[in-house]
PDB file of N, CA and C in Angstrom:
ATOM      1  N   MET A   1       5.480   1.203 -11.747  1.00  0.00           N
ATOM      2  CA  MET A   1       4.839   0.996 -11.047  1.00  0.00           C
ATOM      3  C   MET A   1       4.736  -0.057  -9.837  1.00  0.00           C
ATOM      4  N   ILE A   2       5.680  -0.216  -9.999  1.00  0.00           N
ATOM      5  CA  ILE A   2       6.891  -1.403  -8.510  1.00  0.00           C
ATOM      6  C   ILE A   2       7.658   0.189  -8.097  1.00  0.00           C
ATOM      7  N   GLU A   3       8.410   1.220  -8.652  1.00  0.00           N
ATOM      8  CA  GLU A   3       9.324   2.099  -7.421  1.00  0.00           C
ATOM      9  C   GLU A   3       8.168   2.865  -7.249  1.00  0.00           C
ATOM     10  N   PRO A   4       6.527   3.669  -7.776  1.00  0.00           N
ATOM     11  CA  PRO A   4       6.562   4.283  -6.759  1.00  0.00           C
ATOM     12  C   PRO A   4       5.873   3.877  -5.616  1.00  0.00           C
ATOM     13  N   LEU A   5       5.519   1.990  -5.726  1.00  0.00           N
ATOM     14  CA  LEU A   5       5.297   1.403  -3.901  1.00  0.00           C
ATOM     15  C   LEU A   5       6.368   0.480  -3.275  1.00  0.00           C
ATOM     16  N   ARG A   6       7.492   1.271  -4.118  1.00  0.00           N
ATOM     17  CA  ARG A   6       8.795   0.582  -3.409  1.00  0.00           C
ATOM     18  C   ARG A   6       9.169   1.931  -2.691  1.00  0.00           C
ATOM     19  N   ARG A   7       8.285   3.140  -2.744  1.00  0.00           N
ATOM     20  CA  ARG A   7       9.295   4.356  -2.257  1.00  0.00           C
ATOM     21  C   ARG A   7       8.412   4.737  -1.360  1.00  0.00           C
ATOM     22  N   VAL A   8       6.967   3.799  -1.899  1.00  0.00           N
ATOM     23  CA  VAL A   8       5.970   4.716  -0.466  1.00  0.00           C
ATOM     24  C   VAL A   8       6.343   3.641   0.892  1.00  0.00           C
ATOM     25  N   GLU A   9       6.821   1.902   0.348  1.00  0.00           N
ATOM     26  CA  GLU A   9       7.098   0.898   1.336  1.00  0.00           C
ATOM     27  C   GLU A   9       7.975   1.596   2.690  1.00  0.00           C
ATOM     28  N   LEU A  10       9.245   2.701   1.650  1.00  0.00           N
ATOM     29  CA  LEU A  10      10.151   3.553   2.272  1.00  0.00           C
ATOM     30  C   LEU A  10       9.576   3.933   3.364  1.00  0.00           C
ATOM     31  N   ALA A  11       9.091   4.820   2.821  1.00  0.00           N
ATOM     32  CA  ALA A  11       9.042   6.015   3.308  1.00  0.00           C
ATOM     33  C   ALA A  11       7.917   5.658   4.781  1.00  0.00           C
ATOM     34  N   VAL A  12       7.102   4.772   5.030  1.00  0.00           N
ATOM     35  CA  VAL A  12       6.771   4.008   6.000  1.00  0.00           C
ATOM     36  C   VAL A  12       7.219   3.125   6.688  1.00  0.00           C
ATOM     37  N   THR A  13       8.500   2.644   5.997  1.00  0.00           N
ATOM     38  CA  THR A  13       9.551   1.761   7.391  1.00  0.00           C
ATOM     39  C   THR A  13      10.504   3.031   7.980  1.00  0.00           C
ATOM     40  N   SER A  14      10.105   3.696   6.946  1.00  0.00           N
ATOM     41  CA  SER A  14      11.156   5.396   7.723  1.00  0.00           C
ATOM     42  C   SER A  14      10.738   5.635   8.847  1.00  0.00           C
ATOM     43  N   LEU A  15       9.465   6.852   8.774  1.00  0.00           N
ATOM     44  CA  LEU A  15       8.493   7.017   9.505  1.00  0.00           C
ATOM     45  C   LEU A  15       7.853   5.899  10.751  1.00  0.00           C
ATOM     46  N   SER A  16       7.717   4.917  10.724  1.00  0.00           N
ATOM     47  CA  SER A  16       7.814   3.597  11.579  1.00  0.00           C
ATOM     48  C   SER A  16       8.760   4.305  12.319  1.00  0.00           C
ATOM     49  N   GLU A  17      10.141   4.325  12.187  1.00  0.00           N
ATOM     50  CA  GLU A  17      11.185   3.800  12.374  1.00  0.00           C
ATOM     51  C   GLU A  17      10.885   5.263  13.402  1.00  0.00           C
ATOM     52  N   ASP A  18      10.969   6.614  12.997  1.00  0.00           N
ATOM     53  CA  ASP A  18      11.387   7.897  13.326  1.00  0.00           C
ATOM     54  C   ASP A  18      10.510   8.320  14.372  1.00  0.00           C
ATOM     55  N   LEU A  19       9.069   7.571  14.443  1.00  0.00           N
ATOM     56  CA  LEU A  19       7.831   7.758  15.522  1.00  0.00           C
ATOM     57  C   LEU A  19       8.258   6.362  16.244  1.00  0.00           C
ATOM     58  N   GLY A  20       9.303   5.415  16.523  1.00  0.00           N
ATOM     59  CA  GLY A  20       8.899   4.599  17.589  1.00  0.00           C
ATOM     60  C   GLY A  20       7.707   3.662  17.121  1.00  0.00           C
ATOM     61  N   ASP A  21       7.516   2.474  18.535  1.00  0.00           N
ATOM     62  CA  ASP A  21       6.940   1.924  18.155  1.00  0.00           C
ATOM     63  C   ASP A  21       5.318   1.917  18.472  1.00  0.00           C
ATOM     64  N   VAL A  22       5.472   2.634  17.259  1.00  0.00           N
ATOM     65  CA  VAL A  22       3.321   2.405  17.571  1.00  0.00           C
ATOM     66  C   VAL A  22       2.837   1.398  17.093  1.00  0.00           C
ATOM     67  N   SER A  23       1.717   0.902  17.353  1.00  0.00           N
ATOM     68  CA  SER A  23       1.348   0.010  16.968  1.00  0.00           C
ATOM     69  C   SER A  23       0.749  -0.517  15.475  1.00  0.00           C
ATOM     70  N   SER A  24      -0.082   1.072  15.207  1.00  0.00           N
ATOM     71  CA  SER A  24       0.363   0.172  13.586  1.00  0.00           C
ATOM     72  C   SER A  24       0.599   0.526  12.046  1.00  0.00           C
ATOM     73  N   LEU A  25       1.795   1.352  12.452  1.00  0.00           N
ATOM     74  CA  LEU A  25       2.809   1.341  11.765  1.00  0.00           C
ATOM     75  C   LEU A  25       3.196  -0.071  10.829  1.00  0.00           C
ATOM     76  N   PRO A  26       3.522  -0.881  12.125  1.00  0.00           N
ATOM     77  CA  PRO A  26       3.984  -2.499  11.087  1.00  0.00           C
ATOM     78  C   PRO A  26       3.197  -3.095  10.543  1.00  0.00           C
ATOM     79  N   ALA A  27       1.872  -3.425  10.781  1.00  0.00           N
ATOM     80  CA  ALA A  27       0.622  -3.292  10.259  1.00  0.00           C
ATOM     81  C   ALA A  27       0.353  -2.927   8.686  1.00  0.00           C
ATOM     82  N   ILE A  28       0.071  -1.201   8.859  1.00  0.00           N
ATOM     83  CA  ILE A  28       0.513  -0.559   7.511  1.00  0.00           C
ATOM     84  C   ILE A  28       1.456  -0.682   5.978  1.00  0.00           C
ATOM     85  N   HIS A  29       2.657  -1.956   6.919  1.00  0.00           N
ATOM     86  CA  HIS A  29       4.121  -1.191   6.572  1.00  0.00           C
ATOM     87  C   HIS A  29       3.579  -2.919   5.702  1.00  0.00           C
ATOM     88  N   GLY A  30       3.387  -3.960   6.775  1.00  0.00           N
ATOM     89  CA  GLY A  30       3.202  -4.885   5.956  1.00  0.00           C
ATOM     90  C   GLY A  30       1.908  -5.087   5.399  1.00  0.00           C
ATOM     91  N   GLU A  31       0.783  -4.101   5.146  1.00  0.00           N
ATOM     92  CA  GLU A  31      -0.252  -4.260   4.302  1.00  0.00           C
ATOM     93  C   GLU A  31       0.872  -4.259   2.979  1.00  0.00           C
ATOM     94  N   LEU A  32       1.277  -2.180   2.627  1.00  0.00           N
ATOM     95  CA  LEU A  32       2.571  -2.063   2.455  1.00  0.00           C
ATOM     96  C   LEU A  32       2.941  -3.614   1.015  1.00  0.00           C
ATOM     97  N   VAL A  33       3.590  -3.983   1.530  1.00  0.00           N
ATOM     98  CA  VAL A  33       4.343  -5.176   1.159  1.00  0.00           C
ATOM     99  C   VAL A  33       4.089  -5.712   0.643  1.00  0.00           C
ATOM    100  N   ARG A  34       2.389  -6.451   0.942  1.00  0.00           N
ATOM    101  CA  ARG A  34       1.515  -6.994   0.585  1.00  0.00           C
ATOM    102  C   ARG A  34       0.292  -6.834  -0.736  1.00  0.00           C
ATOM    103  N   VAL A  35       0.538  -5.476  -1.276  1.00  0.00           N
ATOM    104  CA  VAL A  35       0.224  -5.080  -2.433  1.00  0.00           C
ATOM    105  C   VAL A  35       1.628  -4.842  -3.378  1.00  0.00           C
ATOM    106  N   ASN A  36       2.649  -4.921  -2.846  1.00  0.00           N
ATOM    107  CA  ASN A  36       4.013  -4.707  -3.788  1.00  0.00           C
ATOM    108  C   ASN A  36       3.920  -6.280  -4.523  1.00  0.00           C
ATOM    109  N   GLU A  37       3.538  -6.890  -3.426  1.00  0.00           N
ATOM    110  CA  GLU A  37       3.777  -8.435  -4.495  1.00  0.00           C
ATOM    111  C   GLU A  37       2.844  -8.365  -5.269  1.00  0.00           C
ATOM    112  N   THR A  38       1.736  -8.422  -4.752  1.00  0.00           N
ATOM    113  CA  THR A  38       0.448  -8.539  -5.696  1.00  0.00           C
ATOM    114  C   THR A  38       0.388  -7.683  -7.350  1.00  0.00           C
ATOM    115  N   MET A  39       0.458  -5.610  -7.226  1.00  0.00           N
ATOM    116  CA  MET A  39       1.457  -5.575  -7.743  1.00  0.00           C
ATOM    117  C   MET A  39       2.464  -6.303  -8.996  1.00  0.00           C
ATOM    118  N   THR A  40       3.386  -6.800  -8.298  1.00  0.00           N
ATOM    119  CA  THR A  40       4.468  -6.806  -9.290  1.00  0.00           C
ATOM    120  C   THR A  40       3.972  -8.485  -9.977  1.00  0.00           C
ATOM    121  N   ALA A  41       2.877  -9.501  -9.796  1.00  0.00           N
ATOM    122  CA  ALA A  41       2.434 -10.391  -9.739  1.00  0.00           C
ATOM    123  C   ALA A  41       0.626  -9.716 -11.309  1.00  0.00           C
ATOM    124  N   VAL A  42       0.288  -8.857 -10.856  1.00  0.00           N
ATOM    125  CA  VAL A  42      -0.037  -8.020 -11.976  1.00  0.00           C
ATOM    126  C   VAL A  42       1.004  -7.547 -13.176  1.00  0.00           C
ATOM    127  N   LEU A  43       1.758  -6.367 -12.672  1.00  0.00           N
ATOM    128  CA  LEU A  43       2.546  -6.926 -13.649  1.00  0.00           C
ATOM    129  C   LEU A  43       3.535  -7.412 -14.818  1.00  0.00           C
ATOM    130  N   GLU A  44       4.225  -8.652 -14.541  1.00  0.00           N
ATOM    131  CA  GLU A  44       4.130 -10.027 -14.785  1.00  0.00           C
ATOM    132  C   GLU A  44       2.937  -9.757 -15.950  1.00  0.00           C
ATOM    133  N   ALA A  45       2.196 -10.339 -15.950  1.00  0.00           N
ATOM    134  CA  ALA A  45       1.155 -10.908 -15.544  1.00  0.00           C
ATOM    135  C   ALA A  45       0.835 -10.206 -17.381  1.00  0.00           C
ATOM    136  N   LEU A  46       0.482  -8.506 -17.007  1.00  0.00           N
ATOM    137  CA  LEU A  46       0.088  -7.960 -17.706  1.00  0.00           C
ATOM    138  C   LEU A  46       1.648  -7.695 -18.853  1.00  0.00           C
ATOM    139  N   GLN A  47       2.690  -7.717 -18.872  1.00  0.00           N
ATOM    140  CA  GLN A  47       4.246  -8.144 -19.522  1.00  0.00           C
ATOM    141  C   GLN A  47       4.102  -9.602 -20.370  1.00  0.00           C
ATOM    142  N   GLY A  48       3.855 -10.119 -19.783  1.00  0.00           N
ATOM    143  CA  GLY A  48       3.068 -11.800 -20.228  1.00  0.00           C
ATOM    144  C   GLY A  48       2.021 -11.324 -21.932  1.00  0.00           C
ATOM    145  N   LEU A  49       0.410 -10.864 -21.008  1.00  0.00           N
ATOM    146  CA  LEU A  49       0.293 -10.539 -22.197  1.00  0.00           C
ATOM    147  C   LEU A  49       0.631  -9.725 -23.588  1.00  0.00           C
ATOM    148  N   ARG A  50       1.383  -8.966 -22.729  1.00  0.00           N
ATOM    149  CA  ARG A  50       1.376  -7.578 -24.102  1.00  0.00           C
ATOM    150  C   ARG A  50       2.753  -8.915 -25.082  1.00  0.00           C
ATOM    151  N   HIS A  51       3.301 -10.656 -24.261  1.00  0.00           N
ATOM    152  CA  HIS A  51       4.404 -10.455 -25.154  1.00  0.00           C
ATOM    153  C   HIS A  51       3.508 -11.870 -26.463  1.00  0.00           C
ATOM    154  N   ASP A  52       2.759 -11.817 -25.612  1.00  0.00           N
ATOM    155  CA  ASP A  52       1.617 -13.085 -26.915  1.00  0.00           C
ATOM    156  C   ASP A  52       1.141 -11.498 -27.444  1.00  0.00           C
ATOM    157  N   LEU A  53       0.668 -10.882 -27.563  1.00  0.00           N
ATOM    158  CA  LEU A  53      -0.223 -10.306 -28.155  1.00  0.00           C
ATOM    159  C   LEU A  53       0.741  -9.304 -29.358  1.00  0.00           C
ATOM    160  N   GLY A  54       1.829  -8.778 -29.095  1.00  0.00           N
ATOM    161  CA  GLY A  54       2.518  -8.765 -30.161  1.00  0.00           C
ATOM    162  C   GLY A  54       3.155  -9.816 -30.858  1.00  0.00           C
ATOM    163  N   GLU A  55       3.383 -10.998 -30.247  1.00  0.00           N
ATOM    164  CA  GLU A  55       3.494 -12.377 -31.297  1.00  0.00           C
ATOM    165  C   GLU A  55       1.975 -13.040 -32.194  1.00  0.00           C
ATOM    166  N   SER A  56       1.213 -12.712 -31.535  1.00  0.00           N
ATOM    167  CA  SER A  56      -0.445 -12.810 -32.113  1.00  0.00           C
ATOM    168  C   SER A  56      -0.374 -12.057 -33.671  1.00  0.00           C
ATOM    169  N   ALA A  57      -0.023 -10.372 -33.114  1.00  0.00           N
ATOM    170  CA  ALA A  57      -0.049  -9.236 -34.096  1.00  0.00           C
ATOM    171  C   ALA A  57       1.335  -9.542 -34.775  1.00  0.00           C
ATOM    172  N   THR A  58       2.099 -10.138 -35.357  1.00  0.00           N
ATOM    173  CA  THR A  58       3.329 -10.349 -36.246  1.00  0.00           C
ATOM    174  C   THR A  58       2.840 -11.909 -36.720  1.00  0.00           C
ATOM    175  N   ALA A  59       2.691 -12.862 -36.551  1.00  0.00           N
ATOM    176  CA  ALA A  59       2.185 -14.229 -36.954  1.00  0.00           C
ATOM    177  C   ALA A  59       0.844 -13.517 -38.078  1.00  0.00           C
ATOM    178  N   ASP A  60      -0.103 -12.601 -37.053  1.00  0.00           N
ATOM    179  CA  ASP A  60      -1.308 -12.390 -38.309  1.00  0.00           C
ATOM    180  C   ASP A  60      -0.682 -11.433 -38.993  1.00  0.00           C
ATOM    181  N   GLY A  61      -0.359 -10.140 -38.957  1.00  0.00           N
ATOM    182  CA  GLY A  61       0.468  -9.590 -40.347  1.00  0.00           C
ATOM    183  C   GLY A  61       1.569 -10.573 -40.968  1.00  0.00           C
ATOM    184  N   ARG A  62       2.236 -11.695 -40.931  1.00  0.00           N
ATOM    185  CA  ARG A  62       2.155 -12.443 -41.555  1.00  0.00           C
ATOM    186  C   ARG A  62       1.634 -13.150 -42.628  1.00  0.00           C
ATOM    187  N   GLU A  63       0.256 -13.293 -41.712  1.00  0.00           N
ATOM    188  CA  GLU A  63      -0.555 -14.292 -42.943  1.00  0.00           C
ATOM    189  C   GLU A  63      -1.128 -12.677 -43.802  1.00  0.00           C
ATOM    190  N   THR A  64      -1.134 -11.770 -43.528  1.00  0.00           N
ATOM    191  CA  THR A  64      -2.439 -11.003 -44.199  1.00  0.00           C
ATOM    192  C   THR A  64      -1.499 -10.751 -45.043  1.00  0.00           C
ATOM    193  N   GLY A  65       0.090 -10.617 -45.159  1.00  0.00           N
ATOM    194  CA  GLY A  65       0.731 -10.012 -46.147  1.00  0.00           C
ATOM    195  C   GLY A  65       1.129 -11.260 -46.904  1.00  0.00           C
ATOM    196  N   LYS A  66       0.879 -12.242 -46.404  1.00  0.00           N
ATOM    197  CA  LYS A  66       0.669 -12.846 -48.157  1.00  0.00           C
ATOM    198  C   LYS A  66      -0.254 -12.991 -49.034  1.00  0.00           C
ATOM    199  N   LYS A  67      -1.773 -12.798 -48.075  1.00  0.00           N
ATOM    200  CA  LYS A  67      -2.858 -13.240 -48.393  1.00  0.00           C
ATOM    201  C   LYS A  67      -2.864 -11.680 -49.851  1.00  0.00           C
ATOM    202  N   ARG A  68      -2.157 -10.500 -48.776  1.00  0.00           N
ATOM    203  CA  ARG A  68      -2.263  -9.378 -50.297  1.00  0.00           C
ATOM    204  C   ARG A  68      -1.164  -9.988 -51.263  1.00  0.00           C
ATOM    205  N   ARG A  69      -0.643 -10.663 -51.015  1.00  0.00           N
ATOM    206  CA  ARG A  69       0.449 -10.894 -52.485  1.00  0.00           C
ATOM    207  C   ARG A  69      -0.397 -11.304 -53.393  1.00  0.00           C
ATOM    208  N   GLY A  70      -1.330 -12.624 -52.654  1.00  0.00           N
ATOM    209  CA  GLY A  70      -1.594 -13.699 -53.400  1.00  0.00           C
ATOM    210  C   GLY A  70      -2.844 -13.048 -54.101  1.00  0.00           C
ATOM    211  N   ALA A  71      -3.855 -11.815 -53.034  1.00  0.00           N
ATOM    212  CA  ALA A  71      -4.807 -11.057 -54.116  1.00  0.00           C
ATOM    213  C   ALA A  71      -3.887 -10.465 -55.363  1.00  0.00           C
ATOM    214  N   GLY A  72      -2.477 -10.149 -55.198  1.00  0.00           N
ATOM    215  CA  GLY A  72      -1.710  -8.987 -56.382  1.00  0.00           C
ATOM    216  C   GLY A  72      -1.494 -10.031 -57.262  1.00  0.00           C
ATOM    217  N   ALA A  73      -1.029 -11.081 -56.943  1.00  0.00           N
ATOM    218  CA  ALA A  73      -0.822 -11.928 -58.107  1.00  0.00           C
ATOM    219  C   ALA A  73      -1.879 -11.891 -59.695  1.00  0.00           C
ATOM    220  N   ALA A  74      -2.429 -12.206 -58.553  1.00  0.00           N
ATOM    221  CA  ALA A  74      -4.452 -13.156 -60.050  1.00  0.00           C
ATOM    222  C   ALA A  74      -4.500 -11.684 -60.323  1.00  0.00           C
ATOM    223  N   ARG A  75      -4.104 -10.469 -60.233  1.00  0.00           N
ATOM    224  CA  ARG A  75      -4.821  -9.577 -61.150  1.00  0.00           C
ATOM    225  C   ARG A  75      -3.723  -9.948 -62.084  1.00  0.00           C
TER     226      ARG A  75
END
């Protein structure tokens, strides 16, 4: 997610340098920087959720395994 945004940011910066002083390009670059920062925050939040859900699934699996073993022993 982050790499494509960085490539776009670098491309806009490169175009800005190639074209000279074009008034709208710095504003576009600034907006892309803000979008990149926002996407980084979203990515970090998603990774945190994935981590939390992974821990939750592992804990649920352990509890389910205990129930199965307990049910099997009763037979």
